PDB file of all heavy atoms in Angstrom:
ATOM      1  N   GLY A   1    -203.697  98.821  14.777  1.00  0.00           N
ATOM      2  CA  GLY A   1    -203.199 100.009  15.414  1.00  0.00           C
ATOM      3  C   GLY A   1    -204.294 100.644  16.209  1.00  0.00           C
ATOM      4  O   GLY A   1    -205.404 100.172  16.273  1.00  0.00           O
ATOM      5  N   ALA A   2    -204.021 101.794  16.732  1.00  0.00           N
ATOM      6  CA  ALA A   2    -204.981 102.531  17.485  1.00  0.00           C
ATOM      7  C   ALA A   2    -206.068 103.008  16.593  1.00  0.00           C
ATOM      8  O   ALA A   2    -205.892 103.323  15.386  1.00  0.00           O
ATOM      9  CB  ALA A   2    -204.317 103.705  18.225  1.00  0.00           C
ATOM     10  N   SER A   3    -207.235 103.059  17.121  1.00  0.00           N
ATOM     11  CA  SER A   3    -208.370 103.494  16.333  1.00  0.00           C
ATOM     12  C   SER A   3    -209.000 104.766  16.937  1.00  0.00           C
ATOM     13  O   SER A   3    -208.684 105.179  18.045  1.00  0.00           O
ATOM     14  CB  SER A   3    -209.497 102.320  16.323  1.00  0.00           C
ATOM     15  OG  SER A   3    -209.984 102.164  17.613  1.00  0.00           O
ATOM     16  N   SER A   4    -209.900 105.387  16.171  1.00  0.00           N
ATOM     17  CA  SER A   4    -210.580 106.552  16.663  1.00  0.00           C
ATOM     18  C   SER A   4    -211.769 106.070  17.511  1.00  0.00           C
ATOM     19  O   SER A   4    -212.293 105.005  17.296  1.00  0.00           O
ATOM     20  CB  SER A   4    -211.113 107.452  15.528  1.00  0.00           C
ATOM     21  OG  SER A   4    -210.020 107.901  14.832  1.00  0.00           O
ATOM     22  N   ASP A   5    -212.174 106.897  18.476  1.00  0.00           N
ATOM     23  CA  ASP A   5    -213.343 106.574  19.260  1.00  0.00           C
ATOM     24  C   ASP A   5    -214.290 107.794  19.128  1.00  0.00           C
ATOM     25  O   ASP A   5    -214.129 108.618  18.314  1.00  0.00           O
ATOM     26  CB  ASP A   5    -213.043 106.354  20.702  1.00  0.00           C
ATOM     27  CG  ASP A   5    -212.288 107.344  21.374  1.00  0.00           C
ATOM     28  OD1 ASP A   5    -212.145 108.512  20.802  1.00  0.00           O
ATOM     29  OD2 ASP A   5    -211.826 107.203  22.508  1.00  0.00           O
ATOM     30  N   GLU A   6    -215.383 107.771  19.933  1.00  0.00           N
ATOM     31  CA  GLU A   6    -216.424 108.806  19.767  1.00  0.00           C
ATOM     32  C   GLU A   6    -215.943 110.203  20.030  1.00  0.00           C
ATOM     33  O   GLU A   6    -216.512 111.204  19.522  1.00  0.00           O
ATOM     34  CB  GLU A   6    -217.624 108.387  20.652  1.00  0.00           C
ATOM     35  CG  GLU A   6    -218.265 107.052  20.298  1.00  0.00           C
ATOM     36  CD  GLU A   6    -219.258 106.600  21.290  1.00  0.00           C
ATOM     37  OE1 GLU A   6    -219.456 107.291  22.320  1.00  0.00           O
ATOM     38  OE2 GLU A   6    -219.889 105.577  21.057  1.00  0.00           O
ATOM     39  N   LYS A   7    -214.973 110.299  20.987  1.00  0.00           N
ATOM     40  CA  LYS A   7    -214.618 111.635  21.422  1.00  0.00           C
ATOM     41  C   LYS A   7    -213.352 112.149  20.719  1.00  0.00           C
ATOM     42  O   LYS A   7    -213.199 113.399  20.598  1.00  0.00           O
ATOM     43  CB  LYS A   7    -214.350 111.596  22.946  1.00  0.00           C
ATOM     44  CG  LYS A   7    -215.611 111.203  23.708  1.00  0.00           C
ATOM     45  CD  LYS A   7    -215.303 111.170  25.173  1.00  0.00           C
ATOM     46  CE  LYS A   7    -216.564 110.820  25.885  1.00  0.00           C
ATOM     47  NZ  LYS A   7    -216.417 110.732  27.385  1.00  0.00           N
ATOM     48  N   THR A   8    -212.450 111.306  20.310  1.00  0.00           N
ATOM     49  CA  THR A   8    -211.247 111.763  19.670  1.00  0.00           C
ATOM     50  C   THR A   8    -211.028 111.076  18.346  1.00  0.00           C
ATOM     51  O   THR A   8    -211.458 109.966  18.103  1.00  0.00           O
ATOM     52  CB  THR A   8    -210.030 111.452  20.580  1.00  0.00           C
ATOM     53  OG1 THR A   8    -209.981 110.012  20.738  1.00  0.00           O
ATOM     54  CG2 THR A   8    -210.115 112.142  21.892  1.00  0.00           C
ATOM     55  N   PHE A   9    -210.389 111.866  17.437  1.00  0.00           N
ATOM     56  CA  PHE A   9    -209.999 111.356  16.077  1.00  0.00           C
ATOM     57  C   PHE A   9    -208.570 111.065  16.079  1.00  0.00           C
ATOM     58  O   PHE A   9    -207.741 111.923  16.466  1.00  0.00           O
ATOM     59  CB  PHE A   9    -210.355 112.379  14.999  1.00  0.00           C
ATOM     60  CG  PHE A   9    -209.935 111.966  13.623  1.00  0.00           C
ATOM     61  CD1 PHE A   9    -210.542 110.983  12.985  1.00  0.00           C
ATOM     62  CD2 PHE A   9    -208.839 112.582  13.058  1.00  0.00           C
ATOM     63  CE1 PHE A   9    -210.114 110.587  11.719  1.00  0.00           C
ATOM     64  CE2 PHE A   9    -208.410 112.243  11.765  1.00  0.00           C
ATOM     65  CZ  PHE A   9    -209.082 111.200  11.133  1.00  0.00           C
ATOM     66  N   ASN A  10    -208.217 109.887  15.600  1.00  0.00           N
ATOM     67  CA  ASN A  10    -206.785 109.480  15.523  1.00  0.00           C
ATOM     68  C   ASN A  10    -206.423 109.483  14.044  1.00  0.00           C
ATOM     69  O   ASN A  10    -206.857 108.624  13.306  1.00  0.00           O
ATOM     70  CB  ASN A  10    -206.579 108.118  16.174  1.00  0.00           C
ATOM     71  CG  ASN A  10    -205.133 107.733  16.208  1.00  0.00           C
ATOM     72  OD1 ASN A  10    -204.242 108.432  15.796  1.00  0.00           O
ATOM     73  ND2 ASN A  10    -204.854 106.611  16.831  1.00  0.00           N
ATOM     74  N   PRO A  11    -205.549 110.384  13.534  1.00  0.00           N
ATOM     75  CA  PRO A  11    -205.180 110.382  12.150  1.00  0.00           C
ATOM     76  C   PRO A  11    -204.291 109.213  11.815  1.00  0.00           C
ATOM     77  O   PRO A  11    -204.063 109.037  10.598  1.00  0.00           O
ATOM     78  CB  PRO A  11    -204.440 111.752  12.034  1.00  0.00           C
ATOM     79  CG  PRO A  11    -203.976 112.099  13.363  1.00  0.00           C
ATOM     80  CD  PRO A  11    -205.007 111.516  14.324  1.00  0.00           C
ATOM     81  N   GLU A  12    -203.821 108.471  12.763  1.00  0.00           N
ATOM     82  CA  GLU A  12    -202.952 107.298  12.399  1.00  0.00           C
ATOM     83  C   GLU A  12    -203.731 106.196  11.602  1.00  0.00           C
ATOM     84  O   GLU A  12    -203.101 105.384  11.021  1.00  0.00           O
ATOM     85  CB  GLU A  12    -202.359 106.700  13.682  1.00  0.00           C
ATOM     86  CG  GLU A  12    -201.265 107.479  14.223  1.00  0.00           C
ATOM     87  CD  GLU A  12    -200.017 107.404  13.276  1.00  0.00           C
ATOM     88  OE1 GLU A  12    -199.659 106.312  12.874  1.00  0.00           O
ATOM     89  OE2 GLU A  12    -199.419 108.486  13.089  1.00  0.00           O
ATOM     90  N   ILE A  13    -205.047 106.287  11.626  1.00  0.00           N
ATOM     91  CA  ILE A  13    -205.818 105.254  10.877  1.00  0.00           C
ATOM     92  C   ILE A  13    -205.568 105.420   9.363  1.00  0.00           C
ATOM     93  O   ILE A  13    -205.903 104.431   8.649  1.00  0.00           O
ATOM     94  CB  ILE A  13    -207.300 105.247  11.264  1.00  0.00           C
ATOM     95  CG1 ILE A  13    -207.992 106.516  10.924  1.00  0.00           C
ATOM     96  CG2 ILE A  13    -207.513 104.909  12.761  1.00  0.00           C
ATOM     97  CD1 ILE A  13    -209.444 106.551  11.104  1.00  0.00           C
ATOM     98  N   PHE A  14    -205.146 106.558   9.007  1.00  0.00           N
ATOM     99  CA  PHE A  14    -204.900 106.798   7.542  1.00  0.00           C
ATOM    100  C   PHE A  14    -203.377 106.828   7.176  1.00  0.00           C
ATOM    101  O   PHE A  14    -203.017 107.411   6.191  1.00  0.00           O
ATOM    102  CB  PHE A  14    -205.509 108.115   7.111  1.00  0.00           C
ATOM    103  CG  PHE A  14    -207.077 108.119   7.275  1.00  0.00           C
ATOM    104  CD1 PHE A  14    -207.676 108.939   8.173  1.00  0.00           C
ATOM    105  CD2 PHE A  14    -207.833 107.227   6.560  1.00  0.00           C
ATOM    106  CE1 PHE A  14    -208.971 108.944   8.388  1.00  0.00           C
ATOM    107  CE2 PHE A  14    -209.166 107.218   6.718  1.00  0.00           C
ATOM    108  CZ  PHE A  14    -209.800 108.077   7.671  1.00  0.00           C
ATOM    109  N   SER A  15    -202.585 106.206   7.965  1.00  0.00           N
ATOM    110  CA  SER A  15    -201.216 106.189   7.730  1.00  0.00           C
ATOM    111  C   SER A  15    -200.838 105.402   6.464  1.00  0.00           C
ATOM    112  O   SER A  15    -201.565 104.500   6.157  1.00  0.00           O
ATOM    113  CB  SER A  15    -200.405 105.699   8.941  1.00  0.00           C
ATOM    114  OG  SER A  15    -200.602 104.318   9.037  1.00  0.00           O
ATOM    115  N   ASP A  16    -199.694 105.721   5.861  1.00  0.00           N
ATOM    116  CA  ASP A  16    -199.359 104.994   4.564  1.00  0.00           C
ATOM    117  C   ASP A  16    -199.130 103.504   4.821  1.00  0.00           C
ATOM    118  O   ASP A  16    -199.449 102.638   3.957  1.00  0.00           O
ATOM    119  CB  ASP A  16    -198.068 105.643   3.993  1.00  0.00           C
ATOM    120  CG  ASP A  16    -198.448 106.989   3.328  1.00  0.00           C
ATOM    121  OD1 ASP A  16    -199.534 107.178   2.914  1.00  0.00           O
ATOM    122  OD2 ASP A  16    -197.461 107.760   3.127  1.00  0.00           O
ATOM    123  N   MET A  17    -198.563 103.230   6.009  1.00  0.00           N
ATOM    124  CA  MET A  17    -198.277 101.813   6.268  1.00  0.00           C
ATOM    125  C   MET A  17    -199.554 100.942   6.386  1.00  0.00           C
ATOM    126  O   MET A  17    -199.624  99.880   5.853  1.00  0.00           O
ATOM    127  CB  MET A  17    -197.536 101.644   7.589  1.00  0.00           C
ATOM    128  CG  MET A  17    -197.101 100.202   7.830  1.00  0.00           C
ATOM    129  SD  MET A  17    -196.205  99.935   9.397  1.00  0.00           S
ATOM    130  CE  MET A  17    -197.486 100.089  10.566  1.00  0.00           C
ATOM    131  N   ARG A  18    -200.575 101.562   6.964  1.00  0.00           N
ATOM    132  CA  ARG A  18    -201.844 100.789   7.181  1.00  0.00           C
ATOM    133  C   ARG A  18    -202.712 100.761   5.941  1.00  0.00           C
ATOM    134  O   ARG A  18    -203.452  99.877   5.812  1.00  0.00           O
ATOM    135  CB  ARG A  18    -202.643 101.379   8.331  1.00  0.00           C
ATOM    136  CG  ARG A  18    -201.938 101.231   9.690  1.00  0.00           C
ATOM    137  CD  ARG A  18    -202.653 101.907  10.762  1.00  0.00           C
ATOM    138  NE  ARG A  18    -203.811 101.183  11.156  1.00  0.00           N
ATOM    139  CZ  ARG A  18    -204.665 101.599  12.137  1.00  0.00           C
ATOM    140  NH1 ARG A  18    -204.353 102.694  12.822  1.00  0.00           N
ATOM    141  NH2 ARG A  18    -205.704 100.886  12.512  1.00  0.00           N
ATOM    142  N   ILE A  19    -202.583 101.724   5.055  1.00  0.00           N
ATOM    143  CA  ILE A  19    -203.417 101.820   3.877  1.00  0.00           C
ATOM    144  C   ILE A  19    -202.680 101.208   2.634  1.00  0.00           C
ATOM    145  O   ILE A  19    -203.361 100.636   1.805  1.00  0.00           O
ATOM    146  CB  ILE A  19    -203.904 103.223   3.610  1.00  0.00           C
ATOM    147  CG1 ILE A  19    -204.803 103.666   4.757  1.00  0.00           C
ATOM    148  CG2 ILE A  19    -204.562 103.336   2.276  1.00  0.00           C
ATOM    149  CD1 ILE A  19    -205.299 105.075   4.581  1.00  0.00           C
ATOM    150  N   LYS A  20    -201.440 101.412   2.548  1.00  0.00           N
ATOM    151  CA  LYS A  20    -200.727 101.027   1.290  1.00  0.00           C
ATOM    152  C   LYS A  20    -199.780  99.856   1.478  1.00  0.00           C
ATOM    153  O   LYS A  20    -199.857  98.870   0.738  1.00  0.00           O
ATOM    154  CB  LYS A  20    -199.948 102.224   0.742  1.00  0.00           C
ATOM    155  CG  LYS A  20    -200.772 103.367   0.291  1.00  0.00           C
ATOM    156  CD  LYS A  20    -199.992 104.563  -0.126  1.00  0.00           C
ATOM    157  CE  LYS A  20    -200.847 105.744  -0.407  1.00  0.00           C
ATOM    158  NZ  LYS A  20    -200.031 106.969  -0.671  1.00  0.00           N
ATOM    159  N   VAL A  21    -198.922  99.913   2.467  1.00  0.00           N
ATOM    160  CA  VAL A  21    -197.848  98.938   2.550  1.00  0.00           C
ATOM    161  C   VAL A  21    -198.391  97.551   3.041  1.00  0.00           C
ATOM    162  O   VAL A  21    -198.052  96.497   2.473  1.00  0.00           O
ATOM    163  CB  VAL A  21    -196.747  99.440   3.493  1.00  0.00           C
ATOM    164  CG1 VAL A  21    -195.637  98.392   3.724  1.00  0.00           C
ATOM    165  CG2 VAL A  21    -196.128 100.671   2.951  1.00  0.00           C
ATOM    166  N   ALA A  22    -199.171  97.584   4.117  1.00  0.00           N
ATOM    167  CA  ALA A  22    -199.684  96.337   4.700  1.00  0.00           C
ATOM    168  C   ALA A  22    -200.533  95.485   3.697  1.00  0.00           C
ATOM    169  O   ALA A  22    -200.319  94.300   3.613  1.00  0.00           O
ATOM    170  CB  ALA A  22    -200.475  96.668   5.953  1.00  0.00           C
ATOM    171  N   PRO A  23    -201.508  96.119   2.958  1.00  0.00           N
ATOM    172  CA  PRO A  23    -202.196  95.294   1.988  1.00  0.00           C
ATOM    173  C   PRO A  23    -201.262  94.732   0.853  1.00  0.00           C
ATOM    174  O   PRO A  23    -201.545  93.617   0.425  1.00  0.00           O
ATOM    175  CB  PRO A  23    -203.239  96.283   1.359  1.00  0.00           C
ATOM    176  CG  PRO A  23    -203.428  97.302   2.418  1.00  0.00           C
ATOM    177  CD  PRO A  23    -202.086  97.496   3.041  1.00  0.00           C
ATOM    178  N   ILE A  24    -200.271  95.485   0.460  1.00  0.00           N
ATOM    179  CA  ILE A  24    -199.319  94.947  -0.466  1.00  0.00           C
ATOM    180  C   ILE A  24    -198.568  93.740   0.092  1.00  0.00           C
ATOM    181  O   ILE A  24    -198.348  92.770  -0.611  1.00  0.00           O
ATOM    182  CB  ILE A  24    -198.390  96.027  -1.047  1.00  0.00           C
ATOM    183  CG1 ILE A  24    -199.189  97.092  -1.810  1.00  0.00           C
ATOM    184  CG2 ILE A  24    -197.214  95.446  -1.823  1.00  0.00           C
ATOM    185  CD1 ILE A  24    -198.415  98.239  -2.210  1.00  0.00           C
ATOM    186  N   VAL A  25    -198.142  93.844   1.347  1.00  0.00           N
ATOM    187  CA  VAL A  25    -197.430  92.701   2.067  1.00  0.00           C
ATOM    188  C   VAL A  25    -198.392  91.457   2.044  1.00  0.00           C
ATOM    189  O   VAL A  25    -197.963  90.315   1.749  1.00  0.00           O
ATOM    190  CB  VAL A  25    -196.920  93.148   3.381  1.00  0.00           C
ATOM    191  CG1 VAL A  25    -196.477  91.904   4.223  1.00  0.00           C
ATOM    192  CG2 VAL A  25    -195.899  94.186   3.316  1.00  0.00           C
ATOM    193  N   CYS A  26    -199.659  91.726   2.379  1.00  0.00           N
ATOM    194  CA  CYS A  26    -200.649  90.560   2.448  1.00  0.00           C
ATOM    195  C   CYS A  26    -200.807  89.989   0.972  1.00  0.00           C
ATOM    196  O   CYS A  26    -200.874  88.783   0.929  1.00  0.00           O
ATOM    197  CB  CYS A  26    -202.005  91.011   2.945  1.00  0.00           C
ATOM    198  SG  CYS A  26    -201.980  91.383   4.703  1.00  0.00           S
ATOM    199  N   LEU A  27    -200.889  90.854   0.012  1.00  0.00           N
ATOM    200  CA  LEU A  27    -201.051  90.357  -1.329  1.00  0.00           C
ATOM    201  C   LEU A  27    -199.820  89.469  -1.750  1.00  0.00           C
ATOM    202  O   LEU A  27    -200.031  88.404  -2.394  1.00  0.00           O
ATOM    203  CB  LEU A  27    -201.303  91.546  -2.297  1.00  0.00           C
ATOM    204  CG  LEU A  27    -201.374  91.126  -3.777  1.00  0.00           C
ATOM    205  CD1 LEU A  27    -202.676  90.364  -4.015  1.00  0.00           C
ATOM    206  CD2 LEU A  27    -201.395  92.436  -4.689  1.00  0.00           C
ATOM    207  N   VAL A  28    -198.618  90.033  -1.438  1.00  0.00           N
ATOM    208  CA  VAL A  28    -197.442  89.230  -1.799  1.00  0.00           C
ATOM    209  C   VAL A  28    -197.501  87.915  -1.067  1.00  0.00           C
ATOM    210  O   VAL A  28    -197.112  86.831  -1.578  1.00  0.00           O
ATOM    211  CB  VAL A  28    -196.192  90.061  -1.455  1.00  0.00           C
ATOM    212  CG1 VAL A  28    -194.925  89.153  -1.450  1.00  0.00           C
ATOM    213  CG2 VAL A  28    -195.994  91.195  -2.416  1.00  0.00           C
ATOM    214  N   GLY A  29    -197.902  87.887   0.198  1.00  0.00           N
ATOM    215  CA  GLY A  29    -197.995  86.718   0.923  1.00  0.00           C
ATOM    216  C   GLY A  29    -198.982  85.642   0.356  1.00  0.00           C
ATOM    217  O   GLY A  29    -198.643  84.508   0.228  1.00  0.00           O
ATOM    218  N   PHE A  30    -200.150  86.157  -0.018  1.00  0.00           N
ATOM    219  CA  PHE A  30    -201.136  85.286  -0.700  1.00  0.00           C
ATOM    220  C   PHE A  30    -200.664  84.760  -2.006  1.00  0.00           C
ATOM    221  O   PHE A  30    -200.873  83.514  -2.315  1.00  0.00           O
ATOM    222  CB  PHE A  30    -202.510  85.993  -0.882  1.00  0.00           C
ATOM    223  CG  PHE A  30    -203.236  86.159   0.447  1.00  0.00           C
ATOM    224  CD1 PHE A  30    -203.735  87.402   0.879  1.00  0.00           C
ATOM    225  CD2 PHE A  30    -203.578  85.040   1.225  1.00  0.00           C
ATOM    226  CE1 PHE A  30    -204.322  87.557   2.035  1.00  0.00           C
ATOM    227  CE2 PHE A  30    -204.207  85.210   2.404  1.00  0.00           C
ATOM    228  CZ  PHE A  30    -204.726  86.401   2.908  1.00  0.00           C
ATOM    229  N   LEU A  31    -200.027  85.574  -2.823  1.00  0.00           N
ATOM    230  CA  LEU A  31    -199.494  85.087  -4.071  1.00  0.00           C
ATOM    231  C   LEU A  31    -198.357  84.079  -3.876  1.00  0.00           C
ATOM    232  O   LEU A  31    -198.260  83.135  -4.642  1.00  0.00           O
ATOM    233  CB  LEU A  31    -198.938  86.313  -4.915  1.00  0.00           C
ATOM    234  CG  LEU A  31    -200.065  87.224  -5.419  1.00  0.00           C
ATOM    235  CD1 LEU A  31    -199.411  88.466  -6.118  1.00  0.00           C
ATOM    236  CD2 LEU A  31    -201.014  86.538  -6.356  1.00  0.00           C
ATOM    237  N   SER A  32    -197.559  84.312  -2.867  1.00  0.00           N
ATOM    238  CA  SER A  32    -196.511  83.312  -2.625  1.00  0.00           C
ATOM    239  C   SER A  32    -197.021  82.036  -2.078  1.00  0.00           C
ATOM    240  O   SER A  32    -196.445  80.947  -2.258  1.00  0.00           O
ATOM    241  CB  SER A  32    -195.434  83.901  -1.765  1.00  0.00           C
ATOM    242  OG  SER A  32    -196.003  84.311  -0.497  1.00  0.00           O
ATOM    243  N   VAL A  33    -198.200  82.042  -1.423  1.00  0.00           N
ATOM    244  CA  VAL A  33    -198.853  80.743  -1.031  1.00  0.00           C
ATOM    245  C   VAL A  33    -199.244  79.979  -2.267  1.00  0.00           C
ATOM    246  O   VAL A  33    -199.030  78.782  -2.330  1.00  0.00           O
ATOM    247  CB  VAL A  33    -200.113  81.076  -0.136  1.00  0.00           C
ATOM    248  CG1 VAL A  33    -200.969  79.839   0.005  1.00  0.00           C
ATOM    249  CG2 VAL A  33    -199.727  81.602   1.302  1.00  0.00           C
ATOM    250  N   ILE A  34    -199.831  80.715  -3.257  1.00  0.00           N
ATOM    251  CA  ILE A  34    -200.169  80.024  -4.476  1.00  0.00           C
ATOM    252  C   ILE A  34    -198.923  79.477  -5.182  1.00  0.00           C
ATOM    253  O   ILE A  34    -198.981  78.304  -5.624  1.00  0.00           O
ATOM    254  CB  ILE A  34    -200.916  81.058  -5.426  1.00  0.00           C
ATOM    255  CG1 ILE A  34    -202.300  81.432  -4.797  1.00  0.00           C
ATOM    256  CG2 ILE A  34    -201.167  80.424  -6.809  1.00  0.00           C
ATOM    257  CD1 ILE A  34    -202.996  82.511  -5.489  1.00  0.00           C
ATOM    258  N   CYS A  35    -197.855  80.218  -5.158  1.00  0.00           N
ATOM    259  CA  CYS A  35    -196.618  79.710  -5.801  1.00  0.00           C
ATOM    260  C   CYS A  35    -196.114  78.514  -4.994  1.00  0.00           C
ATOM    261  O   CYS A  35    -195.562  77.505  -5.578  1.00  0.00           O
ATOM    262  CB  CYS A  35    -195.553  80.815  -5.860  1.00  0.00           C
ATOM    263  SG  CYS A  35    -195.901  82.139  -6.926  1.00  0.00           S
ATOM    264  N   GLY A  36    -196.208  78.502  -3.705  1.00  0.00           N
ATOM    265  CA  GLY A  36    -195.807  77.345  -2.852  1.00  0.00           C
ATOM    266  C   GLY A  36    -196.582  76.175  -3.064  1.00  0.00           C
ATOM    267  O   GLY A  36    -196.138  75.047  -3.019  1.00  0.00           O
ATOM    268  N   ILE A  37    -197.912  76.365  -3.376  1.00  0.00           N
ATOM    269  CA  ILE A  37    -198.780  75.198  -3.695  1.00  0.00           C
ATOM    270  C   ILE A  37    -198.373  74.665  -5.147  1.00  0.00           C
ATOM    271  O   ILE A  37    -198.402  73.369  -5.297  1.00  0.00           O
ATOM    272  CB  ILE A  37    -200.202  75.615  -3.629  1.00  0.00           C
ATOM    273  CG1 ILE A  37    -200.650  75.913  -2.131  1.00  0.00           C
ATOM    274  CG2 ILE A  37    -201.105  74.494  -4.202  1.00  0.00           C
ATOM    275  CD1 ILE A  37    -201.983  76.495  -1.997  1.00  0.00           C
ATOM    276  N   MET A  38    -198.166  75.570  -6.042  1.00  0.00           N
ATOM    277  CA  MET A  38    -197.950  75.067  -7.411  1.00  0.00           C
ATOM    278  C   MET A  38    -196.465  74.674  -7.699  1.00  0.00           C
ATOM    279  O   MET A  38    -196.200  74.120  -8.771  1.00  0.00           O
ATOM    280  CB  MET A  38    -198.343  76.171  -8.369  1.00  0.00           C
ATOM    281  CG  MET A  38    -199.850  76.472  -8.290  1.00  0.00           C
ATOM    282  SD  MET A  38    -200.389  77.664  -9.432  1.00  0.00           S
ATOM    283  CE  MET A  38    -200.110  76.739 -10.953  1.00  0.00           C
ATOM    284  N   TYR A  39    -195.549  74.894  -6.758  1.00  0.00           N
ATOM    285  CA  TYR A  39    -194.171  74.580  -6.966  1.00  0.00           C
ATOM    286  C   TYR A  39    -193.965  73.046  -7.095  1.00  0.00           C
ATOM    287  O   TYR A  39    -194.503  72.277  -6.318  1.00  0.00           O
ATOM    288  CB  TYR A  39    -193.262  75.087  -5.816  1.00  0.00           C
ATOM    289  CG  TYR A  39    -191.842  74.725  -5.901  1.00  0.00           C
ATOM    290  CD1 TYR A  39    -191.047  75.430  -6.801  1.00  0.00           C
ATOM    291  CD2 TYR A  39    -191.299  73.718  -5.200  1.00  0.00           C
ATOM    292  CE1 TYR A  39    -189.703  75.086  -6.918  1.00  0.00           C
ATOM    293  CE2 TYR A  39    -190.015  73.384  -5.324  1.00  0.00           C
ATOM    294  CZ  TYR A  39    -189.157  74.031  -6.187  1.00  0.00           C
ATOM    295  OH  TYR A  39    -187.859  73.740  -6.327  1.00  0.00           O
ATOM    296  N   ARG A  40    -193.274  72.619  -8.124  1.00  0.00           N
ATOM    297  CA  ARG A  40    -193.011  71.245  -8.364  1.00  0.00           C
ATOM    298  C   ARG A  40    -191.509  71.052  -8.415  1.00  0.00           C
ATOM    299  O   ARG A  40    -190.829  71.502  -9.317  1.00  0.00           O
ATOM    300  CB  ARG A  40    -193.612  70.748  -9.680  1.00  0.00           C
ATOM    301  CG  ARG A  40    -193.376  69.312  -9.897  1.00  0.00           C
ATOM    302  CD  ARG A  40    -194.053  68.834 -11.143  1.00  0.00           C
ATOM    303  NE  ARG A  40    -195.524  68.920 -10.996  1.00  0.00           N
ATOM    304  CZ  ARG A  40    -196.422  68.569 -11.906  1.00  0.00           C
ATOM    305  NH1 ARG A  40    -195.947  68.161 -13.048  1.00  0.00           N
ATOM    306  NH2 ARG A  40    -197.627  68.689 -11.682  1.00  0.00           N
ATOM    307  N   PRO A  41    -190.966  70.339  -7.404  1.00  0.00           N
ATOM    308  CA  PRO A  41    -189.555  70.100  -7.371  1.00  0.00           C
ATOM    309  C   PRO A  41    -189.110  69.225  -8.610  1.00  0.00           C
ATOM    310  O   PRO A  41    -189.864  68.366  -9.078  1.00  0.00           O
ATOM    311  CB  PRO A  41    -189.248  69.330  -6.073  1.00  0.00           C
ATOM    312  CG  PRO A  41    -190.571  69.017  -5.491  1.00  0.00           C
ATOM    313  CD  PRO A  41    -191.621  69.709  -6.254  1.00  0.00           C
ATOM    314  N   LYS A  42    -187.931  69.412  -9.056  1.00  0.00           N
ATOM    315  CA  LYS A  42    -187.404  68.637 -10.168  1.00  0.00           C
ATOM    316  C   LYS A  42    -187.089  67.199  -9.752  1.00  0.00           C
ATOM    317  O   LYS A  42    -186.556  66.935  -8.605  1.00  0.00           O
ATOM    318  CB  LYS A  42    -186.117  69.264 -10.666  1.00  0.00           C
ATOM    319  CG  LYS A  42    -186.332  70.620 -11.227  1.00  0.00           C
ATOM    320  CD  LYS A  42    -185.063  71.233 -11.744  1.00  0.00           C
ATOM    321  CE  LYS A  42    -185.318  72.602 -12.238  1.00  0.00           C
ATOM    322  NZ  LYS A  42    -184.074  73.315 -12.627  1.00  0.00           N
ATOM    323  N   ASN A  43    -187.472  66.289 -10.516  1.00  0.00           N
ATOM    324  CA  ASN A  43    -187.217  64.815 -10.198  1.00  0.00           C
ATOM    325  C   ASN A  43    -185.752  64.482 -10.493  1.00  0.00           C
ATOM    326  O   ASN A  43    -185.176  65.007 -11.488  1.00  0.00           O
ATOM    327  CB  ASN A  43    -188.181  63.916 -10.973  1.00  0.00           C
ATOM    328  CG  ASN A  43    -189.541  64.111 -10.557  1.00  0.00           C
ATOM    329  OD1 ASN A  43    -189.820  64.462  -9.435  1.00  0.00           O
ATOM    330  ND2 ASN A  43    -190.513  63.831 -11.481  1.00  0.00           N
ATOM    331  N   LYS A  44    -185.211  63.656  -9.679  1.00  0.00           N
ATOM    332  CA  LYS A  44    -183.832  63.274  -9.909  1.00  0.00           C
ATOM    333  C   LYS A  44    -183.750  62.077 -10.839  1.00  0.00           C
ATOM    334  O   LYS A  44    -184.547  61.249 -10.931  1.00  0.00           O
ATOM    335  CB  LYS A  44    -183.170  62.987  -8.611  1.00  0.00           C
ATOM    336  CG  LYS A  44    -182.980  64.109  -7.700  1.00  0.00           C
ATOM    337  CD  LYS A  44    -182.236  63.843  -6.456  1.00  0.00           C
ATOM    338  CE  LYS A  44    -182.023  65.089  -5.555  1.00  0.00           C
ATOM    339  NZ  LYS A  44    -181.367  64.760  -4.363  1.00  0.00           N
TER     340      LYS A  44
END
């Protein structure tokens, strides 16, 4: 997202989506990668 620079402060850098939601989405993605690696299909 937009960042702050030397002259102006952008309060959007502390939005809930960027601080709370996005890291949780990344964590869920990384955990599901592990599950995808460890998944073993049933043999017929």
